[in-house]
C-alpha atoms as a PDB file:
ATOM      1  CA  MET A   1      97.645  89.332  17.228  1.00  0.00           C
ATOM      2  CA  PRO A   2      95.854  91.115  20.030  1.00  0.00           C
ATOM      3  CA  LYS A   3      92.077  91.120  20.279  1.00  0.00           C
ATOM      4  CA  PRO A   4      90.526  94.418  19.035  1.00  0.00           C
ATOM      5  CA  PRO A   5      88.839  96.592  21.652  1.00  0.00           C
ATOM      6  CA  ARG A   6      85.173  96.130  22.315  1.00  0.00           C
ATOM      7  CA  ILE A   7      82.931  98.810  20.714  1.00  0.00           C
ATOM      8  CA  SER A   8      80.422  99.698  23.452  1.00  0.00           C
ATOM      9  CA  ASN A   9      78.645 102.551  21.629  1.00  0.00           C
ATOM     10  CA  ARG A  10      78.489 104.170  18.177  1.00  0.00           C
ATOM     11  CA  ARG A  11      77.089 107.618  17.371  1.00  0.00           C
ATOM     12  CA  THR A  12      76.694 109.352  14.053  1.00  0.00           C
ATOM     13  CA  LEU A  13      78.281 112.815  14.228  1.00  0.00           C
ATOM     14  CA  ASN A  14      77.518 113.842  10.626  1.00  0.00           C
ATOM     15  CA  GLU A  15      76.123 112.343   7.429  1.00  0.00           C
ATOM     16  CA  THR A  16      76.842 114.319   4.269  1.00  0.00           C
ATOM     17  CA  GLY A  17      75.812 111.847   1.586  1.00  0.00           C
ATOM     18  CA  VAL A  18      79.512 111.277   0.778  1.00  0.00           C
ATOM     19  CA  PHE A  19      80.873 110.987   4.284  1.00  0.00           C
ATOM     20  CA  HIS A  20      79.527 109.247   7.361  1.00  0.00           C
ATOM     21  CA  ILE A  21      81.426 110.454  10.448  1.00  0.00           C
ATOM     22  CA  GLU A  22      80.930 108.503  13.634  1.00  0.00           C
ATOM     23  CA  GLU A  23      82.209 108.399  17.135  1.00  0.00           C
ATOM     24  CA  ILE A  24      82.883 105.017  18.781  1.00  0.00           C
ATOM     25  CA  ASP A  25      83.403 104.275  22.467  1.00  0.00           C
ATOM     26  CA  LEU A  26      86.045 101.550  22.927  1.00  0.00           C
ATOM     27  CA  GLU A  27      87.106  99.376  25.773  1.00  0.00           C
ATOM     28  CA  PHE A  28      90.572  97.814  25.486  1.00  0.00           C
ATOM     29  CA  ALA A  29      91.609  94.476  26.896  1.00  0.00           C
ATOM     30  CA  ASN A  30      93.504  96.197  29.686  1.00  0.00           C
ATOM     31  CA  GLY A  31      90.348  98.043  30.807  1.00  0.00           C
ATOM     32  CA  GLN A  32      91.271 101.415  29.245  1.00  0.00           C
ATOM     33  CA  GLN A  33      88.365 103.269  27.649  1.00  0.00           C
ATOM     34  CA  ARG A  34      88.641 105.769  24.799  1.00  0.00           C
ATOM     35  CA  THR A  35      86.383 107.542  22.309  1.00  0.00           C
ATOM     36  CA  TYR A  36      87.612 107.619  18.699  1.00  0.00           C
ATOM     37  CA  GLN A  37      86.144 109.331  15.626  1.00  0.00           C
ATOM     38  CA  ARG A  38      86.243 107.800  12.195  1.00  0.00           C
ATOM     39  CA  VAL A  39      85.023 108.310   8.654  1.00  0.00           C
ATOM     40  CA  VAL A  40      83.020 105.267   7.573  1.00  0.00           C
ATOM     41  CA  GLY A  41      82.912 104.245   3.918  1.00  0.00           C
ATOM     42  CA  SER A  42      80.526 101.692   2.441  1.00  0.00           C
ATOM     43  CA  GLU A  43      80.797  98.032   3.598  1.00  0.00           C
ATOM     44  CA  GLU A  44      81.369  97.027  -0.005  1.00  0.00           C
ATOM     45  CA  GLY A  45      84.317  99.409  -0.465  1.00  0.00           C
ATOM     46  CA  ALA A  46      85.698 100.613  -3.808  1.00  0.00           C
ATOM     47  CA  VAL A  47      87.670  99.339  -6.737  1.00  0.00           C
ATOM     48  CA  LEU A  48      90.648 100.737  -8.562  1.00  0.00           C
ATOM     49  CA  VAL A  49      91.396  99.216 -11.957  1.00  0.00           C
ATOM     50  CA  VAL A  50      94.793  98.929 -13.750  1.00  0.00           C
ATOM     51  CA  PRO A  51      93.675  98.457 -17.360  1.00  0.00           C
ATOM     52  CA  MET A  52      96.208  96.928 -19.792  1.00  0.00           C
ATOM     53  CA  LEU A  53      95.312  97.964 -23.357  1.00  0.00           C
ATOM     54  CA  ASP A  54      97.950  95.547 -24.566  1.00  0.00           C
ATOM     55  CA  ALA A  55     100.972  93.833 -22.925  1.00  0.00           C
ATOM     56  CA  GLU A  56     102.899  97.100 -22.803  1.00  0.00           C
ATOM     57  CA  THR A  57     100.242  99.809 -22.505  1.00  0.00           C
ATOM     58  CA  LEU A  58      98.317 100.975 -19.420  1.00  0.00           C
ATOM     59  CA  LEU A  59      95.193 103.118 -19.627  1.00  0.00           C
ATOM     60  CA  LEU A  60      95.035 106.071 -17.207  1.00  0.00           C
ATOM     61  CA  ILE A  61      92.340 108.707 -16.835  1.00  0.00           C
ATOM     62  CA  ARG A  62      92.606 112.384 -16.073  1.00  0.00           C
ATOM     63  CA  GLU A  63      89.636 113.775 -14.138  1.00  0.00           C
ATOM     64  CA  TYR A  64      88.893 116.617 -11.716  1.00  0.00           C
ATOM     65  CA  ALA A  65      89.800 115.732  -8.075  1.00  0.00           C
ATOM     66  CA  ALA A  66      87.843 118.046  -5.673  1.00  0.00           C
ATOM     67  CA  GLY A  67      90.039 117.222  -2.698  1.00  0.00           C
ATOM     68  CA  VAL A  68      93.067 118.915  -4.289  1.00  0.00           C
ATOM     69  CA  ASN A  69      91.125 121.178  -6.688  1.00  0.00           C
ATOM     70  CA  ARG A  70      92.955 120.141  -9.824  1.00  0.00           C
ATOM     71  CA  TYR A  71      92.900 117.484 -12.532  1.00  0.00           C
ATOM     72  CA  GLU A  72      94.705 114.306 -11.538  1.00  0.00           C
ATOM     73  CA  LEU A  73      96.103 111.414 -13.550  1.00  0.00           C
ATOM     74  CA  ALA A  74      95.027 108.121 -12.006  1.00  0.00           C
ATOM     75  CA  PHE A  75      93.542 104.718 -12.692  1.00  0.00           C
ATOM     76  CA  PRO A  76      89.766 104.244 -13.080  1.00  0.00           C
ATOM     77  CA  LYS A  77      88.048 103.772  -9.762  1.00  0.00           C
ATOM     78  CA  GLY A  78      84.723 103.923  -8.048  1.00  0.00           C
ATOM     79  CA  HIS A  79      82.405 102.465  -5.443  1.00  0.00           C
ATOM     80  CA  ILE A  80      81.182  98.901  -5.367  1.00  0.00           C
ATOM     81  CA  GLU A  81      77.391  98.762  -5.469  1.00  0.00           C
ATOM     82  CA  PRO A  82      75.547  96.723  -2.758  1.00  0.00           C
ATOM     83  CA  GLY A  83      75.674  93.030  -3.647  1.00  0.00           C
ATOM     84  CA  GLU A  84      78.278  93.614  -6.412  1.00  0.00           C
ATOM     85  CA  GLU A  85      81.521  91.648  -6.427  1.00  0.00           C
ATOM     86  CA  PRO A  86      84.846  93.614  -6.706  1.00  0.00           C
ATOM     87  CA  LEU A  87      85.740  92.174 -10.111  1.00  0.00           C
ATOM     88  CA  THR A  88      82.286  92.938 -11.478  1.00  0.00           C
ATOM     89  CA  ALA A  89      82.468  96.467 -10.107  1.00  0.00           C
ATOM     90  CA  GLY A  90      85.951  96.902 -11.577  1.00  0.00           C
ATOM     91  CA  ASN A  91      84.716  95.881 -15.039  1.00  0.00           C
ATOM     92  CA  ARG A  92      81.708  98.242 -14.744  1.00  0.00           C
ATOM     93  CA  GLU A  93      83.947 101.192 -13.619  1.00  0.00           C
ATOM     94  CA  LEU A  94      86.385 100.423 -16.422  1.00  0.00           C
ATOM     95  CA  GLN A  95      83.508 100.583 -18.977  1.00  0.00           C
ATOM     96  CA  GLU A  96      82.082 103.785 -17.489  1.00  0.00           C
ATOM     97  CA  GLU A  97      85.422 105.630 -17.326  1.00  0.00           C
ATOM     98  CA  THR A  98      87.415 104.359 -20.281  1.00  0.00           C
ATOM     99  CA  GLY A  99      84.916 102.831 -22.717  1.00  0.00           C
ATOM    100  CA  TYR A 100      86.624  99.403 -22.495  1.00  0.00           C
ATOM    101  CA  ALA A 101      85.602  96.122 -20.817  1.00  0.00           C
ATOM    102  CA  ALA A 102      87.980  93.351 -19.876  1.00  0.00           C
ATOM    103  CA  LYS A 103      87.850  89.645 -20.564  1.00  0.00           C
ATOM    104  CA  ARG A 104      90.381  88.922 -17.767  1.00  0.00           C
ATOM    105  CA  LEU A 105      90.167  90.519 -14.328  1.00  0.00           C
ATOM    106  CA  GLU A 106      92.417  89.686 -11.405  1.00  0.00           C
ATOM    107  CA  LEU A 107      92.358  90.948  -7.883  1.00  0.00           C
ATOM    108  CA  LEU A 108      95.882  92.173  -6.974  1.00  0.00           C
ATOM    109  CA  ASN A 109      95.296  93.271  -3.419  1.00  0.00           C
ATOM    110  CA  SER A 110      92.769  94.990  -1.086  1.00  0.00           C
ATOM    111  CA  VAL A 111      94.163  97.960   0.775  1.00  0.00           C
ATOM    112  CA  SER A 112      93.091 100.603   3.311  1.00  0.00           C
ATOM    113  CA  VAL A 113      94.007 104.228   3.314  1.00  0.00           C
ATOM    114  CA  ALA A 114      94.646 105.925   6.681  1.00  0.00           C
ATOM    115  CA  PRO A 115      93.159 103.013   8.732  1.00  0.00           C
ATOM    116  CA  GLY A 116      93.575 104.958  12.012  1.00  0.00           C
ATOM    117  CA  TYR A 117      90.578 107.119  11.100  1.00  0.00           C
ATOM    118  CA  ILE A 118      88.989 105.882   7.803  1.00  0.00           C
ATOM    119  CA  TYR A 119      86.989 102.687   7.545  1.00  0.00           C
ATOM    120  CA  HIS A 120      87.280 101.940   3.881  1.00  0.00           C
ATOM    121  CA  THR A 121      88.776  99.244   1.599  1.00  0.00           C
ATOM    122  CA  THR A 122      89.920  99.642  -2.006  1.00  0.00           C
ATOM    123  CA  HIS A 123      90.265  96.503  -4.098  1.00  0.00           C
ATOM    124  CA  ILE A 124      92.988  96.801  -6.717  1.00  0.00           C
ATOM    125  CA  VAL A 125      92.151  94.942  -9.954  1.00  0.00           C
ATOM    126  CA  LEU A 126      94.263  94.156 -12.956  1.00  0.00           C
ATOM    127  CA  ALA A 127      92.207  94.172 -16.230  1.00  0.00           C
ATOM    128  CA  ARG A 128      93.492  92.516 -19.406  1.00  0.00           C
ATOM    129  CA  ASP A 129      92.212  91.525 -22.832  1.00  0.00           C
ATOM    130  CA  LEU A 130      90.313  94.738 -23.224  1.00  0.00           C
ATOM    131  CA  TYR A 131      87.739  95.381 -25.893  1.00  0.00           C
ATOM    132  CA  PRO A 132      85.609  98.476 -26.630  1.00  0.00           C
ATOM    133  CA  HIS A 133      82.375  98.490 -24.611  1.00  0.00           C
ATOM    134  CA  PRO A 134      81.412 101.884 -23.232  1.00  0.00           C
ATOM    135  CA  LEU A 135      78.774 102.308 -20.478  1.00  0.00           C
ATOM    136  CA  PRO A 136      77.344 105.625 -19.392  1.00  0.00           C
ATOM    137  CA  GLY A 137      78.900 106.916 -16.189  1.00  0.00           C
ATOM    138  CA  ASP A 138      77.983 109.533 -13.648  1.00  0.00           C
ATOM    139  CA  GLU A 139      80.810 111.956 -14.298  1.00  0.00           C
ATOM    140  CA  PRO A 140      79.931 115.650 -14.924  1.00  0.00           C
ATOM    141  CA  GLU A 141      82.251 115.930 -17.930  1.00  0.00           C
ATOM    142  CA  PRO A 142      83.995 113.496 -20.358  1.00  0.00           C
ATOM    143  CA  ILE A 143      87.024 111.776 -18.831  1.00  0.00           C
ATOM    144  CA  GLU A 144      90.241 111.973 -20.738  1.00  0.00           C
ATOM    145  CA  VAL A 145      91.730 108.478 -21.329  1.00  0.00           C
ATOM    146  CA  ILE A 146      95.496 108.407 -21.627  1.00  0.00           C
ATOM    147  CA  PRO A 147      97.529 105.383 -22.813  1.00  0.00           C
ATOM    148  CA  TRP A 148     100.935 105.086 -21.070  1.00  0.00           C
ATOM    149  CA  LYS A 149     103.675 102.634 -21.924  1.00  0.00           C
ATOM    150  CA  LEU A 150     104.661 100.491 -18.917  1.00  0.00           C
ATOM    151  CA  ARG A 151     108.329 100.926 -19.877  1.00  0.00           C
ATOM    152  CA  ASP A 152     107.847 104.668 -18.993  1.00  0.00           C
ATOM    153  CA  PHE A 153     107.111 103.674 -15.387  1.00  0.00           C
ATOM    154  CA  ASP A 154     109.602 106.171 -13.849  1.00  0.00           C
ATOM    155  CA  GLN A 155     108.261 109.091 -15.977  1.00  0.00           C
ATOM    156  CA  LEU A 156     104.708 108.325 -14.794  1.00  0.00           C
ATOM    157  CA  LEU A 157     105.821 108.439 -11.119  1.00  0.00           C
ATOM    158  CA  ALA A 158     107.487 111.722 -11.793  1.00  0.00           C
ATOM    159  CA  GLN A 159     104.335 113.326 -13.226  1.00  0.00           C
ATOM    160  CA  ALA A 160     103.189 116.267 -11.079  1.00  0.00           C
ATOM    161  CA  ASP A 161      99.552 115.237 -11.455  1.00  0.00           C
ATOM    162  CA  PHE A 162     100.057 111.519 -10.672  1.00  0.00           C
ATOM    163  CA  THR A 163      99.961 111.825  -6.899  1.00  0.00           C
ATOM    164  CA  GLU A 164      97.196 109.531  -5.665  1.00  0.00           C
ATOM    165  CA  ALA A 165      98.755 106.888  -3.408  1.00  0.00           C
ATOM    166  CA  ARG A 166      96.350 104.094  -4.385  1.00  0.00           C
ATOM    167  CA  SER A 167      97.192 104.612  -8.077  1.00  0.00           C
ATOM    168  CA  GLN A 168     100.936 104.662  -7.373  1.00  0.00           C
ATOM    169  CA  LEU A 169     100.615 101.448  -5.330  1.00  0.00           C
ATOM    170  CA  ALA A 170      98.522  99.822  -8.063  1.00  0.00           C
ATOM    171  CA  LEU A 171     101.181 100.705 -10.632  1.00  0.00           C
ATOM    172  CA  PHE A 172     103.808  98.865  -8.573  1.00  0.00           C
ATOM    173  CA  LEU A 173     101.549  95.901  -7.923  1.00  0.00           C
ATOM    174  CA  ALA A 174     100.576  95.577 -11.639  1.00  0.00           C
ATOM    175  CA  ARG A 175     104.179  95.871 -12.775  1.00  0.00           C
ATOM    176  CA  GLU A 176     105.241  93.168 -10.366  1.00  0.00           C
ATOM    177  CA  ARG A 177     102.420  90.817 -11.496  1.00  0.00           C
ATOM    178  CA  LEU A 178     103.073  91.396 -15.117  1.00  0.00           C
ATOM    179  CA  ARG A 179     106.774  90.540 -14.645  1.00  0.00           C
ATOM    180  CA  HIS A 180     105.799  87.150 -13.327  1.00  0.00           C
ATOM    181  CA  ARG A 181     103.099  86.266 -15.861  1.00  0.00           C
END
């Protein structure tokens, strides 16, 4: 694998509270120099949780997605707090968004979204052996929690409001892991 280019300078272009946009000056191994812009997420990243209410039932949430200005069906997700481990963050987000905690949490994968210009990692977690344990969250309105049978996998993928790529990937990863349990 080639050695990454050397970052010779970094400049903040904008800081919005949600987004940190920076410009980086790069020098490649062949001497070429370029300036790139990127959106920088937190060092800790985020979690996305696939909760299994039982061996056959997923829990999804429906909440407002400002990027597309509509309500989206997805898996619970959120930022990892500084010093928090991904599995701990996954269980916290699960409690805040669904009212359940998990006795068993397993990291399925860690993925990037648009790595050419976004510096951010999402850790996909499978949560099993759920039990009621709500925590207060920071959402502006109650989140709708929707049970979905895993056998209805194809119907979920066909839903017009189930478009988030991370949730779709998580569905495939969870189904594969559960097949080999």
